[in-house]
Amino acid sequence: MAATDTCASIRFRMQDGNDIGPMPVNIALSVLAVKEKLIQEWSKDPTKEGPKSTADMKLILAGQVLNNTRLLSDLRMPTTPDTVVTMHLVIRPPAAAKSRGENSQGEVEKVSKCSCLIV
C-alpha cells in the first residue's frame, strides 16, 4: 500500500471533553484539508454550531499547534488499524473576534483612549 493511500484513525477532542470520531483520515492530507473536512462534518448536523472557517480552529498533537501547511504524513502518526490518534481541537468562540477590536470584515478598529497630561 502506498503512503498516499494510508489512513490513520483520528479522534478529535474538543475543549468541553466531547469527541468527534474516530474517523479515517488520509495521511497525505494537509492540516488545512483536515480542518475543512471537520467543517463539512459539522455542517451535516444543523443542531451543532461549529466554526465558520478554518481560521477559527487549531489542531494540537503532542503539545504542538499544527501549522496548516504541514502534511499528516510528516507527523509520524501510527497508521495501524487498531490505533486511534487523539488530536485536540480548539475552536475560537464567535465573540472572540469582537473582544479583540475586530469588525465583521476582520479589520482592526481603532479604539479611542483618553489620556491626561498634567504639566
PDB file of N, CA and C in Angstrom:
ATOM      1  N   MET A   1       0.845  -1.169   0.000  1.00  0.00           N
ATOM      2  CA  MET A   1       0.000   0.000   0.000  1.00  0.00           C
ATOM      3  C   MET A   1       0.895   1.237   0.000  1.00  0.00           C
ATOM      4  N   ALA A   2       0.646   2.187  -0.868  1.00  0.00           N
ATOM      5  CA  ALA A   2       1.458   3.396  -0.964  1.00  0.00           C
ATOM      6  C   ALA A   2       1.154   4.328   0.198  1.00  0.00           C
ATOM      7  N   ALA A   3       2.106   5.210   0.493  1.00  0.00           N
ATOM      8  CA  ALA A   3       1.933   6.133   1.613  1.00  0.00           C
ATOM      9  C   ALA A   3       0.755   7.071   1.383  1.00  0.00           C
ATOM     10  N   THR A   4       0.456   7.368   0.123  1.00  0.00           N
ATOM     11  CA  THR A   4      -0.647   8.280  -0.155  1.00  0.00           C
ATOM     12  C   THR A   4      -2.009   7.631   0.073  1.00  0.00           C
ATOM     13  N   ASP A   5      -2.067   6.291   0.110  1.00  0.00           N
ATOM     14  CA  ASP A   5      -3.324   5.591   0.323  1.00  0.00           C
ATOM     15  C   ASP A   5      -3.530   5.211   1.788  1.00  0.00           C
ATOM     16  N   THR A   6      -2.598   5.515   2.644  1.00  0.00           N
ATOM     17  CA  THR A   6      -2.653   5.111   4.038  1.00  0.00           C
ATOM     18  C   THR A   6      -3.544   6.054   4.836  1.00  0.00           C
ATOM     19  N   CYS A   7      -4.375   5.470   5.659  1.00  0.00           N
ATOM     20  CA  CYS A   7      -5.264   6.251   6.516  1.00  0.00           C
ATOM     21  C   CYS A   7      -4.887   6.034   7.976  1.00  0.00           C
ATOM     22  N   ALA A   8      -5.080   7.077   8.754  1.00  0.00           N
ATOM     23  CA  ALA A   8      -4.913   6.996  10.195  1.00  0.00           C
ATOM     24  C   ALA A   8      -6.289   7.200  10.818  1.00  0.00           C
ATOM     25  N   SER A   9      -6.538   6.550  11.902  1.00  0.00           N
ATOM     26  CA  SER A   9      -7.784   6.726  12.628  1.00  0.00           C
ATOM     27  C   SER A   9      -7.562   7.834  13.656  1.00  0.00           C
ATOM     28  N   ILE A  10      -8.287   8.950  13.485  1.00  0.00           N
ATOM     29  CA  ILE A  10      -8.057  10.122  14.335  1.00  0.00           C
ATOM     30  C   ILE A  10      -9.335  10.482  15.073  1.00  0.00           C
ATOM     31  N   ARG A  11      -9.183  10.741  16.364  1.00  0.00           N
ATOM     32  CA  ARG A  11     -10.262  11.245  17.210  1.00  0.00           C
ATOM     33  C   ARG A  11      -9.911  12.698  17.526  1.00  0.00           C
ATOM     34  N   PHE A  12     -10.889  13.577  17.407  1.00  0.00           N
ATOM     35  CA  PHE A  12     -10.682  14.992  17.696  1.00  0.00           C
ATOM     36  C   PHE A  12     -11.380  15.315  19.005  1.00  0.00           C
ATOM     37  N   ARG A  13     -10.601  15.689  20.016  1.00  0.00           N
ATOM     38  CA  ARG A  13     -11.147  16.001  21.335  1.00  0.00           C
ATOM     39  C   ARG A  13     -11.255  17.510  21.484  1.00  0.00           C
ATOM     40  N   MET A  14     -12.472  17.957  21.823  1.00  0.00           N
ATOM     41  CA  MET A  14     -12.708  19.387  21.981  1.00  0.00           C
ATOM     42  C   MET A  14     -12.517  19.804  23.430  1.00  0.00           C
ATOM     43  N   GLN A  15     -12.532  21.115  23.664  1.00  0.00           N
ATOM     44  CA  GLN A  15     -12.273  21.655  24.992  1.00  0.00           C
ATOM     45  C   GLN A  15     -13.290  21.204  26.029  1.00  0.00           C
ATOM     46  N   ASP A  16     -14.529  20.973  25.604  1.00  0.00           N
ATOM     47  CA  ASP A  16     -15.565  20.577  26.547  1.00  0.00           C
ATOM     48  C   ASP A  16     -15.560  19.082  26.840  1.00  0.00           C
ATOM     49  N   GLY A  17     -14.598  18.343  26.245  1.00  0.00           N
ATOM     50  CA  GLY A  17     -14.476  16.917  26.505  1.00  0.00           C
ATOM     51  C   GLY A  17     -15.194  16.045  25.497  1.00  0.00           C
ATOM     52  N   ASN A  18     -15.992  16.636  24.619  1.00  0.00           N
ATOM     53  CA  ASN A  18     -16.671  15.858  23.578  1.00  0.00           C
ATOM     54  C   ASN A  18     -15.676  15.463  22.494  1.00  0.00           C
ATOM     55  N   ASP A  19     -15.962  14.342  21.854  1.00  0.00           N
ATOM     56  CA  ASP A  19     -15.100  13.838  20.795  1.00  0.00           C
ATOM     57  C   ASP A  19     -15.824  13.827  19.463  1.00  0.00           C
ATOM     58  N   ILE A  20     -15.058  14.016  18.411  1.00  0.00           N
ATOM     59  CA  ILE A  20     -15.527  13.808  17.047  1.00  0.00           C
ATOM     60  C   ILE A  20     -14.719  12.637  16.515  1.00  0.00           C
ATOM     61  N   GLY A  21     -15.397  11.612  16.070  1.00  0.00           N
ATOM     62  CA  GLY A  21     -14.682  10.453  15.546  1.00  0.00           C
ATOM     63  C   GLY A  21     -14.634   9.337  16.568  1.00  0.00           C
ATOM     64  N   PRO A  22     -13.752   8.410  16.367  1.00  0.00           N
ATOM     65  CA  PRO A  22     -12.640   8.417  15.412  1.00  0.00           C
ATOM     66  C   PRO A  22     -13.111   8.256  13.970  1.00  0.00           C
ATOM     67  N   MET A  23     -12.353   8.901  13.084  1.00  0.00           N
ATOM     68  CA  MET A  23     -12.658   8.834  11.663  1.00  0.00           C
ATOM     69  C   MET A  23     -11.383   8.550  10.884  1.00  0.00           C
ATOM     70  N   PRO A  24     -11.489   7.794   9.800  1.00  0.00           N
ATOM     71  CA  PRO A  24     -10.299   7.539   8.984  1.00  0.00           C
ATOM     72  C   PRO A  24      -9.938   8.789   8.186  1.00  0.00           C
ATOM     73  N   VAL A  25      -8.669   9.172   8.240  1.00  0.00           N
ATOM     74  CA  VAL A  25      -8.180  10.352   7.530  1.00  0.00           C
ATOM     75  C   VAL A  25      -6.936   9.956   6.755  1.00  0.00           C
ATOM     76  N   ASN A  26      -6.911  10.294   5.486  1.00  0.00           N
ATOM     77  CA  ASN A  26      -5.759  10.008   4.631  1.00  0.00           C
ATOM     78  C   ASN A  26      -4.566  10.837   5.104  1.00  0.00           C
ATOM     79  N   ILE A  27      -3.427  10.202   5.343  1.00  0.00           N
ATOM     80  CA  ILE A  27      -2.275  10.930   5.877  1.00  0.00           C
ATOM     81  C   ILE A  27      -1.580  11.783   4.825  1.00  0.00           C
ATOM     82  N   ALA A  28      -2.012  11.699   3.578  1.00  0.00           N
ATOM     83  CA  ALA A  28      -1.451  12.578   2.543  1.00  0.00           C
ATOM     84  C   ALA A  28      -2.083  13.971   2.585  1.00  0.00           C
ATOM     85  N   LEU A  29      -3.121  14.152   3.406  1.00  0.00           N
ATOM     86  CA  LEU A  29      -3.793  15.439   3.510  1.00  0.00           C
ATOM     87  C   LEU A  29      -2.991  16.423   4.351  1.00  0.00           C
ATOM     88  N   SER A  30      -3.205  17.690   4.098  1.00  0.00           N
ATOM     89  CA  SER A  30      -2.598  18.732   4.922  1.00  0.00           C
ATOM     90  C   SER A  30      -3.498  18.983   6.136  1.00  0.00           C
ATOM     91  N   VAL A  31      -2.963  19.685   7.110  1.00  0.00           N
ATOM     92  CA  VAL A  31      -3.745  20.030   8.300  1.00  0.00           C
ATOM     93  C   VAL A  31      -4.937  20.898   7.888  1.00  0.00           C
ATOM     94  N   LEU A  32      -4.733  21.796   6.928  1.00  0.00           N
ATOM     95  CA  LEU A  32      -5.826  22.647   6.450  1.00  0.00           C
ATOM     96  C   LEU A  32      -6.959  21.804   5.850  1.00  0.00           C
ATOM     97  N   ALA A  33      -6.623  20.779   5.087  1.00  0.00           N
ATOM     98  CA  ALA A  33      -7.636  19.901   4.488  1.00  0.00           C
ATOM     99  C   ALA A  33      -8.404  19.144   5.568  1.00  0.00           C
ATOM    100  N   VAL A  34      -7.730  18.762   6.637  1.00  0.00           N
ATOM    101  CA  VAL A  34      -8.403  18.069   7.747  1.00  0.00           C
ATOM    102  C   VAL A  34      -9.389  19.022   8.425  1.00  0.00           C
ATOM    103  N   LYS A  35      -8.992  20.280   8.606  1.00  0.00           N
ATOM    104  CA  LYS A  35      -9.899  21.271   9.196  1.00  0.00           C
ATOM    105  C   LYS A  35     -11.125  21.467   8.313  1.00  0.00           C
ATOM    106  N   GLU A  36     -10.919  21.510   6.995  1.00  0.00           N
ATOM    107  CA  GLU A  36     -12.051  21.657   6.075  1.00  0.00           C
ATOM    108  C   GLU A  36     -12.980  20.445   6.156  1.00  0.00           C
ATOM    109  N   LYS A  37     -12.405  19.270   6.321  1.00  0.00           N
ATOM    110  CA  LYS A  37     -13.208  18.052   6.475  1.00  0.00           C
ATOM    111  C   LYS A  37     -14.043  18.117   7.762  1.00  0.00           C
ATOM    112  N   LEU A  38     -13.465  18.657   8.831  1.00  0.00           N
ATOM    113  CA  LEU A  38     -14.210  18.794  10.088  1.00  0.00           C
ATOM    114  C   LEU A  38     -15.366  19.783   9.941  1.00  0.00           C
ATOM    115  N   ILE A  39     -15.148  20.865   9.214  1.00  0.00           N
ATOM    116  CA  ILE A  39     -16.224  21.834   8.989  1.00  0.00           C
ATOM    117  C   ILE A  39     -17.356  21.181   8.205  1.00  0.00           C
ATOM    118  N   GLN A  40     -17.026  20.330   7.244  1.00  0.00           N
ATOM    119  CA  GLN A  40     -18.057  19.613   6.489  1.00  0.00           C
ATOM    120  C   GLN A  40     -18.857  18.687   7.406  1.00  0.00           C
ATOM    121  N   GLU A  41     -18.172  18.031   8.344  1.00  0.00           N
ATOM    122  CA  GLU A  41     -18.866  17.149   9.292  1.00  0.00           C
ATOM    123  C   GLU A  41     -19.841  17.950  10.151  1.00  0.00           C
ATOM    124  N   TRP A  42     -19.419  19.147  10.586  1.00  0.00           N
ATOM    125  CA  TRP A  42     -20.279  19.983  11.414  1.00  0.00           C
ATOM    126  C   TRP A  42     -21.498  20.445  10.631  1.00  0.00           C
ATOM    127  N   SER A  43     -21.319  20.765   9.365  1.00  0.00           N
ATOM    128  CA  SER A  43     -22.435  21.284   8.576  1.00  0.00           C
ATOM    129  C   SER A  43     -23.514  20.227   8.333  1.00  0.00           C
ATOM    130  N   LYS A  44     -23.195  18.951   8.506  1.00  0.00           N
ATOM    131  CA  LYS A  44     -24.183  17.885   8.334  1.00  0.00           C
ATOM    132  C   LYS A  44     -25.218  17.877   9.448  1.00  0.00           C
ATOM    133  N   ASP A  45     -24.849  18.371  10.628  1.00  0.00           N
ATOM    134  CA  ASP A  45     -25.758  18.372  11.772  1.00  0.00           C
ATOM    135  C   ASP A  45     -26.164  19.817  12.086  1.00  0.00           C
ATOM    136  N   PRO A  46     -27.373  20.218  11.719  1.00  0.00           N
ATOM    137  CA  PRO A  46     -27.781  21.611  11.925  1.00  0.00           C
ATOM    138  C   PRO A  46     -27.967  21.996  13.397  1.00  0.00           C
ATOM    139  N   THR A  47     -28.031  21.015  14.293  1.00  0.00           N
ATOM    140  CA  THR A  47     -28.207  21.336  15.705  1.00  0.00           C
ATOM    141  C   THR A  47     -26.901  21.783  16.363  1.00  0.00           C
ATOM    142  N   LYS A  48     -25.778  21.481  15.723  1.00  0.00           N
ATOM    143  CA  LYS A  48     -24.479  21.864  16.294  1.00  0.00           C
ATOM    144  C   LYS A  48     -23.963  23.126  15.610  1.00  0.00           C
ATOM    145  N   GLU A  49     -23.527  24.068  16.412  1.00  0.00           N
ATOM    146  CA  GLU A  49     -22.936  25.283  15.860  1.00  0.00           C
ATOM    147  C   GLU A  49     -21.420  25.107  15.846  1.00  0.00           C
ATOM    148  N   GLY A  50     -20.867  25.009  14.684  1.00  0.00           N
ATOM    149  CA  GLY A  50     -19.440  24.781  14.541  1.00  0.00           C
ATOM    150  C   GLY A  50     -18.712  26.038  14.127  1.00  0.00           C
ATOM    151  N   PRO A  51     -17.431  25.900  13.866  1.00  0.00           N
ATOM    152  CA  PRO A  51     -16.644  27.056  13.434  1.00  0.00           C
ATOM    153  C   PRO A  51     -17.068  27.510  12.040  1.00  0.00           C
ATOM    154  N   LYS A  52     -16.897  28.799  11.775  1.00  0.00           N
ATOM    155  CA  LYS A  52     -17.274  29.359  10.476  1.00  0.00           C
ATOM    156  C   LYS A  52     -16.182  29.162   9.432  1.00  0.00           C
ATOM    157  N   SER A  53     -14.922  29.108   9.877  1.00  0.00           N
ATOM    158  CA  SER A  53     -13.816  28.940   8.927  1.00  0.00           C
ATOM    159  C   SER A  53     -12.686  28.167   9.599  1.00  0.00           C
ATOM    160  N   THR A  54     -11.714  27.787   8.794  1.00  0.00           N
ATOM    161  CA  THR A  54     -10.567  27.060   9.339  1.00  0.00           C
ATOM    162  C   THR A  54      -9.707  27.952  10.228  1.00  0.00           C
ATOM    163  N   ALA A  55      -9.813  29.257  10.063  1.00  0.00           N
ATOM    164  CA  ALA A  55      -9.043  30.180  10.904  1.00  0.00           C
ATOM    165  C   ALA A  55      -9.529  30.154  12.353  1.00  0.00           C
ATOM    166  N   ASP A  56     -10.751  29.694  12.567  1.00  0.00           N
ATOM    167  CA  ASP A  56     -11.318  29.611  13.918  1.00  0.00           C
ATOM    168  C   ASP A  56     -10.906  28.340  14.644  1.00  0.00           C
ATOM    169  N   MET A  57     -10.131  27.472  13.981  1.00  0.00           N
ATOM    170  CA  MET A  57      -9.776  26.174  14.548  1.00  0.00           C
ATOM    171  C   MET A  57      -8.264  26.046  14.710  1.00  0.00           C
ATOM    172  N   LYS A  58      -7.875  25.341  15.760  1.00  0.00           N
ATOM    173  CA  LYS A  58      -6.476  24.970  15.951  1.00  0.00           C
ATOM    174  C   LYS A  58      -6.443  23.483  16.288  1.00  0.00           C
ATOM    175  N   LEU A  59      -5.550  22.748  15.621  1.00  0.00           N
ATOM    176  CA  LEU A  59      -5.342  21.337  15.928  1.00  0.00           C
ATOM    177  C   LEU A  59      -4.034  21.196  16.677  1.00  0.00           C
ATOM    178  N   ILE A  60      -4.059  20.416  17.744  1.00  0.00           N
ATOM    179  CA  ILE A  60      -2.885  20.229  18.585  1.00  0.00           C
ATOM    180  C   ILE A  60      -2.597  18.742  18.672  1.00  0.00           C
ATOM    181  N   LEU A  61      -1.344  18.382  18.428  1.00  0.00           N
ATOM    182  CA  LEU A  61      -0.902  16.987  18.545  1.00  0.00           C
ATOM    183  C   LEU A  61       0.401  16.983  19.319  1.00  0.00           C
ATOM    184  N   ALA A  62       0.450  16.201  20.370  1.00  0.00           N
ATOM    185  CA  ALA A  62       1.642  16.063  21.214  1.00  0.00           C
ATOM    186  C   ALA A  62       2.129  17.419  21.723  1.00  0.00           C
ATOM    187  N   GLY A  63       1.172  18.285  22.084  1.00  0.00           N
ATOM    188  CA  GLY A  63       1.524  19.569  22.671  1.00  0.00           C
ATOM    189  C   GLY A  63       1.946  20.629  21.678  1.00  0.00           C
ATOM    190  N   GLN A  64       1.857  20.360  20.387  1.00  0.00           N
ATOM    191  CA  GLN A  64       2.259  21.335  19.378  1.00  0.00           C
ATOM    192  C   GLN A  64       1.052  21.742  18.539  1.00  0.00           C
ATOM    193  N   VAL A  65       0.896  23.059  18.335  1.00  0.00           N
ATOM    194  CA  VAL A  65      -0.137  23.561  17.441  1.00  0.00           C
ATOM    195  C   VAL A  65       0.340  23.278  16.019  1.00  0.00           C
ATOM    196  N   LEU A  66      -0.508  22.623  15.237  1.00  0.00           N
ATOM    197  CA  LEU A  66      -0.122  22.201  13.896  1.00  0.00           C
ATOM    198  C   LEU A  66      -0.330  23.314  12.886  1.00  0.00           C
ATOM    199  N   ASN A  67       0.689  23.545  12.081  1.00  0.00           N
ATOM    200  CA  ASN A  67       0.643  24.539  11.019  1.00  0.00           C
ATOM    201  C   ASN A  67      -0.238  24.001   9.895  1.00  0.00           C
ATOM    202  N   ASN A  68      -1.029  24.867   9.261  1.00  0.00           N
ATOM    203  CA  ASN A  68      -1.955  24.444   8.206  1.00  0.00           C
ATOM    204  C   ASN A  68      -1.254  23.810   7.013  1.00  0.00           C
ATOM    205  N   THR A  69      -0.007  24.138   6.765  1.00  0.00           N
ATOM    206  CA  THR A  69       0.686  23.622   5.581  1.00  0.00           C
ATOM    207  C   THR A  69       1.310  22.249   5.803  1.00  0.00           C
ATOM    208  N   ARG A  70       1.395  21.804   7.036  1.00  0.00           N
ATOM    209  CA  ARG A  70       2.012  20.503   7.304  1.00  0.00           C
ATOM    210  C   ARG A  70       1.132  19.364   6.820  1.00  0.00           C
ATOM    211  N   LEU A  71       1.776  18.320   6.360  1.00  0.00           N
ATOM    212  CA  LEU A  71       1.066  17.106   5.960  1.00  0.00           C
ATOM    213  C   LEU A  71       0.971  16.167   7.156  1.00  0.00           C
ATOM    214  N   LEU A  72      -0.087  15.404   7.221  1.00  0.00           N
ATOM    215  CA  LEU A  72      -0.223  14.443   8.314  1.00  0.00           C
ATOM    216  C   LEU A  72       0.877  13.390   8.252  1.00  0.00           C
ATOM    217  N   SER A  73       1.337  13.076   7.057  1.00  0.00           N
ATOM    218  CA  SER A  73       2.399  12.075   6.924  1.00  0.00           C
ATOM    219  C   SER A  73       3.704  12.541   7.572  1.00  0.00           C
ATOM    220  N   ASP A  74       3.900  13.862   7.688  1.00  0.00           N
ATOM    221  CA  ASP A  74       5.103  14.401   8.333  1.00  0.00           C
ATOM    222  C   ASP A  74       5.047  14.274   9.852  1.00  0.00           C
ATOM    223  N   LEU A  75       3.885  13.990  10.397  1.00  0.00           N
ATOM    224  CA  LEU A  75       3.704  13.942  11.852  1.00  0.00           C
ATOM    225  C   LEU A  75       4.044  12.586  12.450  1.00  0.00           C
ATOM    226  N   ARG A  76       4.317  11.611  11.621  1.00  0.00           N
ATOM    227  CA  ARG A  76       4.690  10.253  12.049  1.00  0.00           C
ATOM    228  C   ARG A  76       3.647   9.639  12.984  1.00  0.00           C
ATOM    229  N   MET A  77       2.416   9.678  12.550  1.00  0.00           N
ATOM    230  CA  MET A  77       1.332   9.081  13.327  1.00  0.00           C
ATOM    231  C   MET A  77       1.250   7.600  13.009  1.00  0.00           C
ATOM    232  N   PRO A  78       0.864   6.790  13.982  1.00  0.00           N
ATOM    233  CA  PRO A  78       0.675   5.359  13.695  1.00  0.00           C
ATOM    234  C   PRO A  78      -0.529   5.162  12.779  1.00  0.00           C
ATOM    235  N   THR A  79      -0.387   4.255  11.834  1.00  0.00           N
ATOM    236  CA  THR A  79      -1.470   4.010  10.872  1.00  0.00           C
ATOM    237  C   THR A  79      -2.001   2.578  10.966  1.00  0.00           C
ATOM    238  N   THR A  80      -1.682   1.892  12.043  1.00  0.00           N
ATOM    239  CA  THR A  80      -2.203   0.543  12.208  1.00  0.00           C
ATOM    240  C   THR A  80      -3.710   0.615  12.467  1.00  0.00           C
ATOM    241  N   PRO A  81      -4.464  -0.374  12.012  1.00  0.00           N
ATOM    242  CA  PRO A  81      -5.935  -0.312  12.107  1.00  0.00           C
ATOM    243  C   PRO A  81      -6.470  -0.221  13.534  1.00  0.00           C
ATOM    244  N   ASP A  82      -5.769  -0.769  14.509  1.00  0.00           N
ATOM    245  CA  ASP A  82      -6.289  -0.770  15.879  1.00  0.00           C
ATOM    246  C   ASP A  82      -5.820   0.416  16.711  1.00  0.00           C
ATOM    247  N   THR A  83      -5.083   1.363  16.121  1.00  0.00           N
ATOM    248  CA  THR A  83      -4.566   2.516  16.853  1.00  0.00           C
ATOM    249  C   THR A  83      -5.363   3.767  16.499  1.00  0.00           C
ATOM    250  N   VAL A  84      -5.821   4.471  17.539  1.00  0.00           N
ATOM    251  CA  VAL A  84      -6.543   5.720  17.348  1.00  0.00           C
ATOM    252  C   VAL A  84      -5.677   6.848  17.890  1.00  0.00           C
ATOM    253  N   VAL A  85      -5.433   7.844  17.051  1.00  0.00           N
ATOM    254  CA  VAL A  85      -4.639   9.015  17.435  1.00  0.00           C
ATOM    255  C   VAL A  85      -5.609  10.096  17.900  1.00  0.00           C
ATOM    256  N   THR A  86      -5.320  10.716  19.044  1.00  0.00           N
ATOM    257  CA  THR A  86      -6.164  11.793  19.544  1.00  0.00           C
ATOM    258  C   THR A  86      -5.491  13.131  19.274  1.00  0.00           C
ATOM    259  N   MET A  87      -6.208  13.995  18.564  1.00  0.00           N
ATOM    260  CA  MET A  87      -5.769  15.381  18.351  1.00  0.00           C
ATOM    261  C   MET A  87      -6.722  16.267  19.126  1.00  0.00           C
ATOM    262  N   HIS A  88      -6.179  17.303  19.722  1.00  0.00           N
ATOM    263  CA  HIS A  88      -7.029  18.257  20.428  1.00  0.00           C
ATOM    264  C   HIS A  88      -7.475  19.326  19.442  1.00  0.00           C
ATOM    265  N   LEU A  89      -8.738  19.677  19.522  1.00  0.00           N
ATOM    266  CA  LEU A  89      -9.331  20.657  18.638  1.00  0.00           C
ATOM    267  C   LEU A  89      -9.793  21.836  19.475  1.00  0.00           C
ATOM    268  N   VAL A  90      -9.200  23.004  19.214  1.00  0.00           N
ATOM    269  CA  VAL A  90      -9.563  24.222  19.930  1.00  0.00           C
ATOM    270  C   VAL A  90     -10.293  25.119  18.943  1.00  0.00           C
ATOM    271  N   ILE A  91     -11.477  25.563  19.342  1.00  0.00           N
ATOM    272  CA  ILE A  91     -12.295  26.420  18.486  1.00  0.00           C
ATOM    273  C   ILE A  91     -12.422  27.790  19.139  1.00  0.00           C
ATOM    274  N   ARG A  92     -12.115  28.814  18.349  1.00  0.00           N
ATOM    275  CA  ARG A  92     -12.243  30.178  18.852  1.00  0.00           C
ATOM    276  C   ARG A  92     -13.724  30.525  18.892  1.00  0.00           C
ATOM    277  N   PRO A  93     -14.213  30.998  20.035  1.00  0.00           N
ATOM    278  CA  PRO A  93     -15.632  31.349  20.121  1.00  0.00           C
ATOM    279  C   PRO A  93     -15.949  32.540  19.216  1.00  0.00           C
ATOM    280  N   PRO A  94     -17.187  32.644  18.728  1.00  0.00           N
ATOM    281  CA  PRO A  94     -17.551  33.723  17.807  1.00  0.00           C
ATOM    282  C   PRO A  94     -17.337  35.113  18.385  1.00  0.00           C
ATOM    283  N   ALA A  95     -17.471  35.276  19.684  1.00  0.00           N
ATOM    284  CA  ALA A  95     -17.314  36.593  20.296  1.00  0.00           C
ATOM    285  C   ALA A  95     -15.851  36.993  20.448  1.00  0.00           C
ATOM    286  N   ALA A  96     -14.916  36.093  20.227  1.00  0.00           N
ATOM    287  CA  ALA A  96     -13.502  36.398  20.426  1.00  0.00           C
ATOM    288  C   ALA A  96     -13.021  37.462  19.461  1.00  0.00           C
ATOM    289  N   ALA A  97     -13.520  37.498  18.243  1.00  0.00           N
ATOM    290  CA  ALA A  97     -13.096  38.491  17.273  1.00  0.00           C
ATOM    291  C   ALA A  97     -13.505  39.891  17.719  1.00  0.00           C
ATOM    292  N   LYS A  98     -14.709  40.014  18.268  1.00  0.00           N
ATOM    293  CA  LYS A  98     -15.171  41.324  18.716  1.00  0.00           C
ATOM    294  C   LYS A  98     -14.404  41.810  19.930  1.00  0.00           C
ATOM    295  N   SER A  99     -14.004  40.903  20.811  1.00  0.00           N
ATOM    296  CA  SER A  99     -13.288  41.316  22.009  1.00  0.00           C
ATOM    297  C   SER A  99     -11.882  41.802  21.691  1.00  0.00           C
ATOM    298  N   ARG A 100     -11.365  41.435  20.523  1.00  0.00           N
ATOM    299  CA  ARG A 100     -10.040  41.907  20.119  1.00  0.00           C
ATOM    300  C   ARG A 100     -10.122  43.210  19.343  1.00  0.00           C
ATOM    301  N   GLY A 101     -11.324  43.761  19.160  1.00  0.00           N
ATOM    302  CA  GLY A 101     -11.473  45.016  18.449  1.00  0.00           C
ATOM    303  C   GLY A 101     -11.561  44.851  16.944  1.00  0.00           C
ATOM    304  N   GLU A 102     -12.026  43.701  16.458  1.00  0.00           N
ATOM    305  CA  GLU A 102     -12.176  43.491  15.024  1.00  0.00           C
ATOM    306  C   GLU A 102     -13.632  43.700  14.641  1.00  0.00           C
ATOM    307  N   ASN A 103     -13.852  44.254  13.448  1.00  0.00           N
ATOM    308  CA  ASN A 103     -15.218  44.386  12.970  1.00  0.00           C
ATOM    309  C   ASN A 103     -15.587  43.159  12.156  1.00  0.00           C
ATOM    310  N   SER A 104     -16.745  43.166  11.531  1.00  0.00           N
ATOM    311  CA  SER A 104     -17.230  41.975  10.834  1.00  0.00           C
ATOM    312  C   SER A 104     -16.372  41.596   9.632  1.00  0.00           C
ATOM    313  N   GLN A 105     -15.618  42.542   9.063  1.00  0.00           N
ATOM    314  CA  GLN A 105     -14.750  42.223   7.936  1.00  0.00           C
ATOM    315  C   GLN A 105     -13.368  41.758   8.392  1.00  0.00           C
ATOM    316  N   GLY A 106     -13.139  41.653   9.688  1.00  0.00           N
ATOM    317  CA  GLY A 106     -11.850  41.194  10.197  1.00  0.00           C
ATOM    318  C   GLY A 106     -10.825  42.306  10.301  1.00  0.00           C
ATOM    319  N   GLU A 107     -11.253  43.551  10.076  1.00  0.00           N
ATOM    320  CA  GLU A 107     -10.333  44.669  10.170  1.00  0.00           C
ATOM    321  C   GLU A 107     -10.290  45.157  11.613  1.00  0.00           C
ATOM    322  N   VAL A 108      -9.137  45.603  12.032  1.00  0.00           N
ATOM    323  CA  VAL A 108      -8.986  46.082  13.397  1.00  0.00           C
ATOM    324  C   VAL A 108      -9.506  47.511  13.471  1.00  0.00           C
ATOM    325  N   GLU A 109     -10.407  47.744  14.411  1.00  0.00           N
ATOM    326  CA  GLU A 109     -10.960  49.077  14.606  1.00  0.00           C
ATOM    327  C   GLU A 109     -10.065  49.854  15.553  1.00  0.00           C
ATOM    328  N   LYS A 110      -9.991  51.153  15.321  1.00  0.00           N
ATOM    329  CA  LYS A 110      -9.231  51.998  16.233  1.00  0.00           C
ATOM    330  C   LYS A 110     -10.102  52.293  17.444  1.00  0.00           C
ATOM    331  N   VAL A 111      -9.511  52.145  18.592  1.00  0.00           N
ATOM    332  CA  VAL A 111     -10.231  52.387  19.833  1.00  0.00           C
ATOM    333  C   VAL A 111      -9.692  53.682  20.412  1.00  0.00           C
ATOM    334  N   SER A 112     -10.595  54.639  20.625  1.00  0.00           N
ATOM    335  CA  SER A 112     -10.148  55.909  21.181  1.00  0.00           C
ATOM    336  C   SER A 112      -9.922  55.745  22.671  1.00  0.00           C
ATOM    337  N   LYS A 113      -8.827  56.297  23.114  1.00  0.00           N
ATOM    338  CA  LYS A 113      -8.493  56.246  24.518  1.00  0.00           C
ATOM    339  C   LYS A 113      -8.217  57.654  25.000  1.00  0.00           C
ATOM    340  N   CYS A 114      -8.675  57.942  26.160  1.00  0.00           N
ATOM    341  CA  CYS A 114      -8.428  59.252  26.745  1.00  0.00           C
ATOM    342  C   CYS A 114      -7.117  59.195  27.506  1.00  0.00           C
ATOM    343  N   SER A 115      -6.415  60.273  27.455  1.00  0.00           N
ATOM    344  CA  SER A 115      -5.197  60.346  28.252  1.00  0.00           C
ATOM    345  C   SER A 115      -5.064  61.772  28.767  1.00  0.00           C
ATOM    346  N   CYS A 116      -4.537  61.880  29.936  1.00  0.00           N
ATOM    347  CA  CYS A 116      -4.358  63.188  30.557  1.00  0.00           C
ATOM    348  C   CYS A 116      -2.875  63.453  30.731  1.00  0.00           C
ATOM    349  N   LEU A 117      -2.514  64.687  30.534  1.00  0.00           N
ATOM    350  CA  LEU A 117      -1.132  65.099  30.736  1.00  0.00           C
ATOM    351  C   LEU A 117      -1.156  66.292  31.647  1.00  0.00           C
ATOM    352  N   ILE A 118      -0.598  66.133  32.818  1.00  0.00           N
ATOM    353  CA  ILE A 118      -0.563  67.229  33.799  1.00  0.00           C
ATOM    354  C   ILE A 118       0.842  67.797  33.789  1.00  0.00           C
ATOM    355  N   VAL A 119       0.918  69.109  33.532  1.00  0.00           N
ATOM    356  CA  VAL A 119       2.229  69.758  33.441  1.00  0.00           C
ATOM    357  C   VAL A 119       2.475  70.624  34.648  1.00  0.00           C
TER     358      VAL A 119
END
